Amino acid sequence: MPLNTIFRRSGPSDATHEIYRIIVERARHPHFYTEFGVPDTVDGRFEMVTLHAFLLLRHLKRISESASDTGQALFDVMFEDMDLSLREMGAGDMGVGKRVKAMVQAFYGRIASYEAGLAGTEEEMENALSRNVYATVAPEAGNLSNLAAYIRAQDVHLAAFDRKDIEAANFVFGEL
């Protein structure tokens, strides 16, 4: 058996790509941009992908430490897609690495911010959303509270799925 076969790391599974597809599909739902006032921009879409990835990763972490492999694979797929998207938008090779690194740092910041928001008061969650999702626009009345309520509802909804369902991409996000 050749050495490159022994030491080759397998890439993310088809299920991991499907999990990411489900996240992106939900993040692109027009309701966020028309009803919740999320900016329909590259930044706004990044925020919605980040938010939904956070919710799923949070759930995976709650149900099993062994799900960390799935979480890492999802993280890898997500940022490979971000890298590809930046390249498709014309970012030069020299700048892509720095931009992806900044996106990764932003993602970790969002995780901490949203974790604190879910653990804290409604005001804390709304402040996290204001700083991140609505950083480039002034949200209209009700947008912050509506999106905060959506996040809390999704957090509860995802609790109905076990690790096997998630890892097999056999789940859906709840109602909008």
N, C-alpha and C. Protein backbone atom coordinates (compact mmCIF):
# COMPACT_ATOMS: atom_id res chain seq x y z
N MET A 1 0.84 -1.17 0.00
CA MET A 1 0.00 0.00 0.00
C MET A 1 0.89 1.24 0.00
N PRO A 2 0.65 2.16 -0.92
CA PRO A 2 1.47 3.38 -0.98
C PRO A 2 1.30 4.23 0.28
N LEU A 3 2.39 4.90 0.66
CA LEU A 3 2.36 5.74 1.85
C LEU A 3 1.34 6.87 1.76
N ASN A 4 1.17 7.42 0.57
CA ASN A 4 0.23 8.54 0.46
C ASN A 4 -1.21 8.08 0.74
N THR A 5 -1.51 6.81 0.58
CA THR A 5 -2.83 6.30 0.92
C THR A 5 -2.98 6.14 2.42
N ILE A 6 -1.92 5.74 3.08
CA ILE A 6 -1.96 5.53 4.52
C ILE A 6 -2.12 6.86 5.26
N PHE A 7 -1.42 7.88 4.83
CA PHE A 7 -1.40 9.14 5.54
C PHE A 7 -2.38 10.18 5.01
N ARG A 8 -3.11 9.85 3.99
CA ARG A 8 -4.05 10.80 3.41
C ARG A 8 -5.22 11.01 4.36
N ARG A 9 -5.52 12.25 4.62
CA ARG A 9 -6.69 12.58 5.42
C ARG A 9 -7.90 12.60 4.51
N SER A 10 -8.93 12.00 4.96
CA SER A 10 -10.14 12.07 4.16
C SER A 10 -10.76 13.45 4.36
N GLY A 11 -11.41 13.92 3.34
CA GLY A 11 -12.05 15.22 3.42
C GLY A 11 -13.38 15.11 4.13
N PRO A 12 -14.04 16.24 4.29
CA PRO A 12 -15.36 16.23 4.93
C PRO A 12 -16.33 15.33 4.17
N SER A 13 -17.20 14.69 4.89
CA SER A 13 -18.16 13.76 4.29
C SER A 13 -19.20 14.51 3.47
N ASP A 14 -19.91 13.74 2.67
CA ASP A 14 -21.02 14.32 1.91
C ASP A 14 -22.06 14.89 2.87
N ALA A 15 -22.26 14.22 4.00
CA ALA A 15 -23.22 14.72 4.99
C ALA A 15 -22.80 16.08 5.53
N THR A 16 -21.51 16.28 5.74
CA THR A 16 -21.03 17.58 6.23
C THR A 16 -21.33 18.67 5.21
N HIS A 17 -21.10 18.36 3.95
CA HIS A 17 -21.43 19.33 2.90
C HIS A 17 -22.94 19.60 2.86
N GLU A 18 -23.73 18.57 3.11
CA GLU A 18 -25.19 18.73 3.14
C GLU A 18 -25.61 19.59 4.34
N ILE A 19 -24.99 19.38 5.48
CA ILE A 19 -25.27 20.21 6.66
C ILE A 19 -24.99 21.68 6.32
N TYR A 20 -23.86 21.93 5.70
CA TYR A 20 -23.52 23.30 5.34
C TYR A 20 -24.52 23.86 4.32
N ARG A 21 -24.95 23.03 3.38
CA ARG A 21 -25.94 23.47 2.39
C ARG A 21 -27.24 23.88 3.09
N ILE A 22 -27.65 23.10 4.09
CA ILE A 22 -28.87 23.43 4.84
C ILE A 22 -28.70 24.77 5.55
N ILE A 23 -27.54 25.00 6.13
CA ILE A 23 -27.26 26.27 6.81
C ILE A 23 -27.33 27.44 5.83
N VAL A 24 -26.65 27.29 4.70
CA VAL A 24 -26.62 28.37 3.70
C VAL A 24 -28.01 28.62 3.13
N GLU A 25 -28.74 27.55 2.86
CA GLU A 25 -30.10 27.72 2.33
C GLU A 25 -30.96 28.53 3.29
N ARG A 26 -30.88 28.22 4.58
CA ARG A 26 -31.66 28.99 5.56
C ARG A 26 -31.15 30.42 5.65
N ALA A 27 -29.83 30.59 5.66
CA ALA A 27 -29.25 31.93 5.78
C ALA A 27 -29.63 32.83 4.61
N ARG A 28 -29.91 32.25 3.47
CA ARG A 28 -30.27 33.03 2.28
C ARG A 28 -31.77 33.28 2.16
N HIS A 29 -32.55 32.78 3.11
CA HIS A 29 -34.00 32.95 3.01
C HIS A 29 -34.34 34.44 2.97
N PRO A 30 -35.16 34.84 2.01
CA PRO A 30 -35.49 36.26 1.86
C PRO A 30 -36.10 36.91 3.10
N HIS A 31 -36.75 36.13 3.94
CA HIS A 31 -37.41 36.66 5.13
C HIS A 31 -36.45 37.48 6.00
N PHE A 32 -35.21 37.04 6.11
CA PHE A 32 -34.24 37.76 6.95
C PHE A 32 -33.98 39.16 6.42
N TYR A 33 -33.98 39.28 5.12
CA TYR A 33 -33.61 40.54 4.47
C TYR A 33 -34.81 41.47 4.29
N THR A 34 -36.00 40.88 4.11
CA THR A 34 -37.19 41.71 3.92
C THR A 34 -37.93 42.00 5.21
N GLU A 35 -38.03 41.01 6.09
CA GLU A 35 -38.82 41.18 7.31
C GLU A 35 -37.98 41.55 8.53
N PHE A 36 -36.75 41.05 8.62
CA PHE A 36 -35.90 41.34 9.77
C PHE A 36 -34.92 42.47 9.49
N GLY A 37 -34.88 42.96 8.25
CA GLY A 37 -34.03 44.09 7.92
C GLY A 37 -32.53 43.82 7.92
N VAL A 38 -32.15 42.54 7.78
CA VAL A 38 -30.73 42.22 7.68
C VAL A 38 -30.23 42.79 6.35
N PRO A 39 -29.10 43.47 6.34
CA PRO A 39 -28.60 44.02 5.08
C PRO A 39 -28.35 42.90 4.05
N ASP A 40 -28.91 43.08 2.87
CA ASP A 40 -28.72 42.08 1.80
C ASP A 40 -27.42 42.40 1.07
N THR A 41 -26.32 42.18 1.79
CA THR A 41 -24.97 42.46 1.31
C THR A 41 -24.10 41.24 1.60
N VAL A 42 -22.88 41.26 1.13
CA VAL A 42 -21.94 40.19 1.45
C VAL A 42 -21.80 40.07 2.96
N ASP A 43 -21.67 41.19 3.66
CA ASP A 43 -21.54 41.17 5.11
C ASP A 43 -22.79 40.62 5.78
N GLY A 44 -23.95 41.05 5.33
CA GLY A 44 -25.21 40.57 5.91
C GLY A 44 -25.38 39.08 5.72
N ARG A 45 -25.02 38.59 4.55
CA ARG A 45 -25.14 37.15 4.29
C ARG A 45 -24.12 36.37 5.11
N PHE A 46 -22.93 36.91 5.27
CA PHE A 46 -21.94 36.28 6.13
C PHE A 46 -22.49 36.17 7.55
N GLU A 47 -23.12 37.24 8.02
CA GLU A 47 -23.67 37.23 9.37
C GLU A 47 -24.74 36.17 9.53
N MET A 48 -25.57 35.98 8.53
CA MET A 48 -26.63 34.98 8.65
C MET A 48 -26.08 33.55 8.56
N VAL A 49 -25.09 33.32 7.72
CA VAL A 49 -24.44 32.01 7.69
C VAL A 49 -23.78 31.74 9.04
N THR A 50 -23.08 32.73 9.55
CA THR A 50 -22.40 32.61 10.84
C THR A 50 -23.40 32.30 11.95
N LEU A 51 -24.51 33.01 11.96
CA LEU A 51 -25.52 32.83 12.99
C LEU A 51 -26.08 31.40 12.98
N HIS A 52 -26.40 30.90 11.80
CA HIS A 52 -26.97 29.55 11.70
C HIS A 52 -25.92 28.46 11.97
N ALA A 53 -24.70 28.71 11.55
CA ALA A 53 -23.62 27.76 11.88
C ALA A 53 -23.41 27.73 13.39
N PHE A 54 -23.43 28.90 14.01
CA PHE A 54 -23.31 28.97 15.48
C PHE A 54 -24.38 28.13 16.14
N LEU A 55 -25.65 28.29 15.72
CA LEU A 55 -26.74 27.55 16.35
C LEU A 55 -26.52 26.05 16.24
N LEU A 56 -26.09 25.60 15.08
CA LEU A 56 -25.87 24.17 14.90
C LEU A 56 -24.66 23.68 15.69
N LEU A 57 -23.59 24.43 15.66
CA LEU A 57 -22.40 24.05 16.43
C LEU A 57 -22.69 24.05 17.93
N ARG A 58 -23.48 24.99 18.38
CA ARG A 58 -23.87 25.05 19.80
C ARG A 58 -24.63 23.77 20.17
N HIS A 59 -25.53 23.38 19.32
CA HIS A 59 -26.30 22.17 19.58
C HIS A 59 -25.41 20.94 19.58
N LEU A 60 -24.52 20.84 18.62
CA LEU A 60 -23.60 19.70 18.58
C LEU A 60 -22.76 19.62 19.85
N LYS A 61 -22.30 20.75 20.31
CA LYS A 61 -21.48 20.79 21.52
C LYS A 61 -22.28 20.34 22.74
N ARG A 62 -23.55 20.72 22.79
CA ARG A 62 -24.41 20.34 23.91
C ARG A 62 -24.70 18.84 23.95
N ILE A 63 -24.86 18.22 22.79
CA ILE A 63 -25.30 16.83 22.79
C ILE A 63 -24.16 15.84 22.93
N SER A 64 -22.94 16.24 22.54
CA SER A 64 -21.87 15.26 22.64
C SER A 64 -20.53 15.89 22.33
N GLU A 65 -19.57 15.60 23.18
CA GLU A 65 -18.20 16.06 22.91
C GLU A 65 -17.65 15.33 21.68
N SER A 66 -18.13 14.10 21.42
CA SER A 66 -17.64 13.36 20.25
C SER A 66 -18.13 13.99 18.94
N ALA A 67 -19.10 14.88 19.04
CA ALA A 67 -19.58 15.57 17.85
C ALA A 67 -18.61 16.67 17.42
N SER A 68 -17.52 16.84 18.16
CA SER A 68 -16.56 17.89 17.81
C SER A 68 -15.93 17.62 16.44
N ASP A 69 -15.82 16.35 16.04
CA ASP A 69 -15.30 16.05 14.71
C ASP A 69 -16.23 16.60 13.63
N THR A 70 -17.52 16.44 13.84
CA THR A 70 -18.50 16.98 12.90
C THR A 70 -18.43 18.50 12.90
N GLY A 71 -18.32 19.08 14.09
CA GLY A 71 -18.22 20.53 14.18
C GLY A 71 -16.99 21.06 13.47
N GLN A 72 -15.86 20.39 13.64
CA GLN A 72 -14.62 20.82 12.97
C GLN A 72 -14.75 20.67 11.47
N ALA A 73 -15.35 19.56 11.03
CA ALA A 73 -15.53 19.36 9.59
C ALA A 73 -16.45 20.44 9.01
N LEU A 74 -17.50 20.79 9.75
CA LEU A 74 -18.41 21.84 9.30
C LEU A 74 -17.68 23.18 9.21
N PHE A 75 -16.90 23.49 10.23
CA PHE A 75 -16.09 24.71 10.23
C PHE A 75 -15.18 24.73 9.00
N ASP A 76 -14.52 23.62 8.71
CA ASP A 76 -13.60 23.55 7.56
C ASP A 76 -14.34 23.79 6.25
N VAL A 77 -15.49 23.15 6.09
CA VAL A 77 -16.28 23.31 4.86
C VAL A 77 -16.73 24.76 4.73
N MET A 78 -17.18 25.34 5.83
CA MET A 78 -17.66 26.72 5.81
C MET A 78 -16.58 27.69 5.34
N PHE A 79 -15.38 27.55 5.89
CA PHE A 79 -14.35 28.51 5.53
C PHE A 79 -13.66 28.18 4.21
N GLU A 80 -13.73 26.96 3.76
CA GLU A 80 -13.30 26.65 2.39
C GLU A 80 -14.24 27.34 1.41
N ASP A 81 -15.53 27.33 1.73
CA ASP A 81 -16.51 28.01 0.88
C ASP A 81 -16.30 29.51 0.90
N MET A 82 -16.00 30.06 2.06
CA MET A 82 -15.74 31.51 2.15
C MET A 82 -14.52 31.88 1.29
N ASP A 83 -13.48 31.05 1.38
CA ASP A 83 -12.27 31.27 0.58
C ASP A 83 -12.62 31.26 -0.91
N LEU A 84 -13.36 30.24 -1.33
CA LEU A 84 -13.75 30.12 -2.73
C LEU A 84 -14.61 31.30 -3.16
N SER A 85 -15.53 31.71 -2.32
CA SER A 85 -16.41 32.84 -2.65
C SER A 85 -15.62 34.13 -2.83
N LEU A 86 -14.65 34.36 -1.95
CA LEU A 86 -13.82 35.56 -2.10
C LEU A 86 -13.05 35.53 -3.42
N ARG A 87 -12.53 34.37 -3.76
CA ARG A 87 -11.80 34.24 -5.03
C ARG A 87 -12.72 34.49 -6.22
N GLU A 88 -13.94 33.95 -6.13
CA GLU A 88 -14.90 34.14 -7.22
C GLU A 88 -15.32 35.61 -7.36
N MET A 89 -15.27 36.35 -6.24
CA MET A 89 -15.61 37.77 -6.29
C MET A 89 -14.43 38.61 -6.76
N GLY A 90 -13.30 37.96 -7.02
CA GLY A 90 -12.17 38.66 -7.58
C GLY A 90 -11.09 39.07 -6.62
N ALA A 91 -11.16 38.61 -5.38
CA ALA A 91 -10.10 38.93 -4.43
C ALA A 91 -8.82 38.24 -4.89
N GLY A 92 -7.73 38.94 -4.83
CA GLY A 92 -6.45 38.38 -5.25
C GLY A 92 -5.94 37.34 -4.27
N ASP A 93 -5.12 36.43 -4.77
CA ASP A 93 -4.57 35.37 -3.93
C ASP A 93 -3.87 35.90 -2.69
N MET A 94 -3.19 37.02 -2.82
CA MET A 94 -2.43 37.57 -1.69
C MET A 94 -3.36 38.04 -0.57
N GLY A 95 -4.52 38.55 -0.92
CA GLY A 95 -5.42 39.09 0.09
C GLY A 95 -6.41 38.11 0.67
N VAL A 96 -6.63 36.98 -0.01
CA VAL A 96 -7.65 36.04 0.43
C VAL A 96 -7.32 35.46 1.80
N GLY A 97 -6.10 35.05 2.00
CA GLY A 97 -5.71 34.46 3.28
C GLY A 97 -5.97 35.39 4.45
N LYS A 98 -5.61 36.65 4.28
CA LYS A 98 -5.83 37.63 5.35
C LYS A 98 -7.32 37.85 5.60
N ARG A 99 -8.08 37.89 4.53
CA ARG A 99 -9.52 38.12 4.69
C ARG A 99 -10.20 36.92 5.35
N VAL A 100 -9.80 35.72 4.96
CA VAL A 100 -10.37 34.53 5.59
C VAL A 100 -9.99 34.47 7.06
N LYS A 101 -8.74 34.82 7.36
CA LYS A 101 -8.30 34.84 8.76
C LYS A 101 -9.15 35.83 9.56
N ALA A 102 -9.43 36.99 8.99
CA ALA A 102 -10.27 37.97 9.66
C ALA A 102 -11.70 37.43 9.84
N MET A 103 -12.18 36.69 8.85
CA MET A 103 -13.52 36.10 8.95
C MET A 103 -13.56 35.04 10.05
N VAL A 104 -12.51 34.25 10.16
CA VAL A 104 -12.44 33.24 11.22
C VAL A 104 -12.47 33.92 12.59
N GLN A 105 -11.68 34.96 12.74
CA GLN A 105 -11.67 35.70 14.01
C GLN A 105 -13.04 36.29 14.31
N ALA A 106 -13.68 36.83 13.27
CA ALA A 106 -15.02 37.39 13.45
C ALA A 106 -16.00 36.29 13.87
N PHE A 107 -15.86 35.12 13.27
CA PHE A 107 -16.73 33.99 13.61
C PHE A 107 -16.59 33.63 15.08
N TYR A 108 -15.36 33.52 15.56
CA TYR A 108 -15.15 33.20 16.97
C TYR A 108 -15.72 34.29 17.88
N GLY A 109 -15.60 35.52 17.46
CA GLY A 109 -16.19 36.61 18.23
C GLY A 109 -17.71 36.51 18.28
N ARG A 110 -18.32 36.14 17.15
CA ARG A 110 -19.77 35.98 17.10
C ARG A 110 -20.21 34.85 18.04
N ILE A 111 -19.47 33.75 18.03
CA ILE A 111 -19.82 32.63 18.90
C ILE A 111 -19.87 33.09 20.35
N ALA A 112 -18.84 33.79 20.79
CA ALA A 112 -18.80 34.27 22.17
C ALA A 112 -19.95 35.24 22.44
N SER A 113 -20.20 36.12 21.51
CA SER A 113 -21.25 37.12 21.67
C SER A 113 -22.63 36.49 21.73
N TYR A 114 -22.90 35.54 20.84
CA TYR A 114 -24.21 34.90 20.81
C TYR A 114 -24.40 33.94 21.98
N GLU A 115 -23.34 33.28 22.40
CA GLU A 115 -23.42 32.43 23.60
C GLU A 115 -23.82 33.28 24.80
N ALA A 116 -23.17 34.41 24.95
CA ALA A 116 -23.49 35.31 26.07
C ALA A 116 -24.92 35.82 25.94
N GLY A 117 -25.33 36.12 24.73
CA GLY A 117 -26.70 36.59 24.51
C GLY A 117 -27.74 35.55 24.87
N LEU A 118 -27.51 34.30 24.48
CA LEU A 118 -28.46 33.24 24.81
C LEU A 118 -28.47 32.94 26.31
N ALA A 119 -27.34 33.09 26.95
CA ALA A 119 -27.25 32.84 28.39
C ALA A 119 -27.78 34.02 29.20
N GLY A 120 -27.83 35.18 28.58
CA GLY A 120 -28.19 36.39 29.31
C GLY A 120 -29.60 36.85 29.03
N THR A 121 -29.76 38.15 29.12
CA THR A 121 -31.06 38.78 28.95
C THR A 121 -31.36 39.03 27.48
N GLU A 122 -32.59 39.39 27.23
CA GLU A 122 -32.99 39.75 25.87
C GLU A 122 -32.17 40.94 25.38
N GLU A 123 -31.91 41.88 26.28
CA GLU A 123 -31.11 43.06 25.92
C GLU A 123 -29.70 42.66 25.49
N GLU A 124 -29.11 41.70 26.18
CA GLU A 124 -27.77 41.24 25.81
C GLU A 124 -27.77 40.61 24.41
N MET A 125 -28.81 39.82 24.11
CA MET A 125 -28.89 39.23 22.78
C MET A 125 -29.09 40.31 21.73
N GLU A 126 -29.94 41.25 22.01
CA GLU A 126 -30.18 42.33 21.05
C GLU A 126 -28.92 43.17 20.84
N ASN A 127 -28.15 43.40 21.89
CA ASN A 127 -26.89 44.13 21.75
C ASN A 127 -25.91 43.35 20.86
N ALA A 128 -25.85 42.03 21.04
CA ALA A 128 -24.98 41.21 20.20
C ALA A 128 -25.40 41.30 18.75
N LEU A 129 -26.68 41.26 18.49
CA LEU A 129 -27.19 41.37 17.11
C LEU A 129 -26.92 42.76 16.54
N SER A 130 -27.10 43.76 17.36
CA SER A 130 -26.85 45.13 16.91
C SER A 130 -25.39 45.32 16.50
N ARG A 131 -24.48 44.78 17.29
CA ARG A 131 -23.04 44.91 17.00
C ARG A 131 -22.62 44.10 15.77
N ASN A 132 -23.31 43.03 15.50
CA ASN A 132 -22.85 42.12 14.44
C ASN A 132 -23.75 42.17 13.20
N VAL A 133 -24.94 41.68 13.31
CA VAL A 133 -25.84 41.60 12.15
C VAL A 133 -26.19 42.98 11.63
N TYR A 134 -26.46 43.92 12.53
CA TYR A 134 -26.90 45.25 12.13
C TYR A 134 -25.79 46.30 12.29
N ALA A 135 -24.56 45.89 12.19
CA ALA A 135 -23.44 46.82 12.40
C ALA A 135 -23.39 47.93 11.35
N THR A 136 -23.88 47.65 10.16
CA THR A 136 -23.77 48.64 9.07
C THR A 136 -25.06 49.39 8.81
N VAL A 137 -26.13 49.05 9.54
CA VAL A 137 -27.42 49.72 9.36
C VAL A 137 -28.07 49.93 10.72
N ALA A 138 -28.97 50.88 10.77
CA ALA A 138 -29.78 51.06 11.98
C ALA A 138 -31.02 50.19 11.82
N PRO A 139 -31.19 49.20 12.67
CA PRO A 139 -32.35 48.32 12.52
C PRO A 139 -33.66 49.06 12.78
N GLU A 140 -34.67 48.70 12.03
CA GLU A 140 -35.99 49.29 12.25
C GLU A 140 -36.59 48.72 13.52
N ALA A 141 -37.59 49.41 14.03
CA ALA A 141 -38.25 48.98 15.27
C ALA A 141 -38.72 47.53 15.12
N GLY A 142 -38.41 46.74 16.12
CA GLY A 142 -38.84 45.35 16.13
C GLY A 142 -37.88 44.36 15.52
N ASN A 143 -36.96 44.82 14.66
CA ASN A 143 -36.05 43.88 14.01
C ASN A 143 -35.17 43.14 15.00
N LEU A 144 -34.60 43.86 15.94
CA LEU A 144 -33.72 43.23 16.93
C LEU A 144 -34.47 42.20 17.76
N SER A 145 -35.63 42.58 18.26
CA SER A 145 -36.38 41.65 19.12
C SER A 145 -36.90 40.46 18.31
N ASN A 146 -37.29 40.69 17.07
CA ASN A 146 -37.78 39.59 16.24
C ASN A 146 -36.66 38.59 15.92
N LEU A 147 -35.48 39.10 15.59
CA LEU A 147 -34.37 38.21 15.28
C LEU A 147 -33.89 37.50 16.55
N ALA A 148 -33.90 38.19 17.67
CA ALA A 148 -33.52 37.56 18.94
C ALA A 148 -34.49 36.44 19.29
N ALA A 149 -35.77 36.67 19.09
CA ALA A 149 -36.78 35.63 19.36
C ALA A 149 -36.58 34.44 18.41
N TYR A 150 -36.27 34.74 17.16
CA TYR A 150 -36.01 33.66 16.19
C TYR A 150 -34.83 32.80 16.65
N ILE A 151 -33.77 33.43 17.11
CA ILE A 151 -32.58 32.69 17.56
C ILE A 151 -32.92 31.79 18.74
N ARG A 152 -33.64 32.33 19.69
CA ARG A 152 -34.03 31.52 20.86
C ARG A 152 -34.93 30.35 20.44
N ALA A 153 -35.84 30.59 19.51
CA ALA A 153 -36.73 29.52 19.04
C ALA A 153 -35.94 28.44 18.29
N GLN A 154 -34.96 28.86 17.49
CA GLN A 154 -34.15 27.87 16.77
C GLN A 154 -33.30 27.05 17.73
N ASP A 155 -32.81 27.69 18.77
CA ASP A 155 -32.01 26.99 19.77
C ASP A 155 -32.84 25.88 20.41
N VAL A 156 -34.08 26.18 20.73
CA VAL A 156 -34.99 25.18 21.30
C VAL A 156 -35.34 24.12 20.26
N HIS A 157 -35.64 24.56 19.04
CA HIS A 157 -36.03 23.64 17.97
C HIS A 157 -34.93 22.60 17.69
N LEU A 158 -33.69 23.04 17.61
CA LEU A 158 -32.60 22.12 17.30
C LEU A 158 -32.39 21.08 18.40
N ALA A 159 -32.83 21.38 19.60
CA ALA A 159 -32.69 20.44 20.72
C ALA A 159 -33.47 19.15 20.48
N ALA A 160 -34.41 19.17 19.55
CA ALA A 160 -35.21 17.96 19.26
C ALA A 160 -34.44 16.94 18.41
N PHE A 161 -33.30 17.34 17.89
CA PHE A 161 -32.53 16.45 17.01
C PHE A 161 -31.35 15.86 17.76
N ASP A 162 -31.14 14.57 17.57
CA ASP A 162 -29.99 13.95 18.23
C ASP A 162 -28.77 14.02 17.31
N ARG A 163 -27.64 13.60 17.85
CA ARG A 163 -26.37 13.70 17.14
C ARG A 163 -26.42 12.97 15.80
N LYS A 164 -27.00 11.77 15.79
CA LYS A 164 -27.06 11.00 14.54
C LYS A 164 -27.85 11.72 13.47
N ASP A 165 -28.96 12.35 13.86
CA ASP A 165 -29.75 13.11 12.89
C ASP A 165 -28.93 14.26 12.32
N ILE A 166 -28.26 14.99 13.19
CA ILE A 166 -27.46 16.13 12.74
C ILE A 166 -26.34 15.66 11.83
N GLU A 167 -25.60 14.66 12.28
CA GLU A 167 -24.45 14.18 11.50
C GLU A 167 -24.84 13.58 10.17
N ALA A 168 -26.10 13.13 10.06
CA ALA A 168 -26.59 12.59 8.79
C ALA A 168 -27.30 13.67 7.96
N ALA A 169 -27.26 14.90 8.43
CA ALA A 169 -27.95 16.02 7.78
C ALA A 169 -29.45 15.75 7.69
N ASN A 170 -29.96 15.08 8.69
CA ASN A 170 -31.38 14.74 8.74
C ASN A 170 -32.07 15.66 9.77
N PHE A 171 -32.05 16.94 9.49
CA PHE A 171 -32.66 17.95 10.37
C PHE A 171 -33.08 19.12 9.52
N VAL A 172 -33.92 19.94 10.10
CA VAL A 172 -34.34 21.19 9.46
C VAL A 172 -34.34 22.27 10.53
N PHE A 173 -34.19 23.49 10.11
CA PHE A 173 -34.39 24.60 11.02
C PHE A 173 -35.89 24.79 11.20
N GLY A 174 -36.27 25.44 12.29
CA GLY A 174 -37.68 25.65 12.59
C GLY A 174 -38.29 26.75 11.73
N GLU A 175 -39.55 26.99 11.99
CA GLU A 175 -40.31 28.00 11.26
C GLU A 175 -39.67 29.38 11.43
N LEU A 176 -39.87 30.20 10.42
CA LEU A 176 -39.40 31.59 10.50
C LEU A 176 -40.40 32.43 11.22
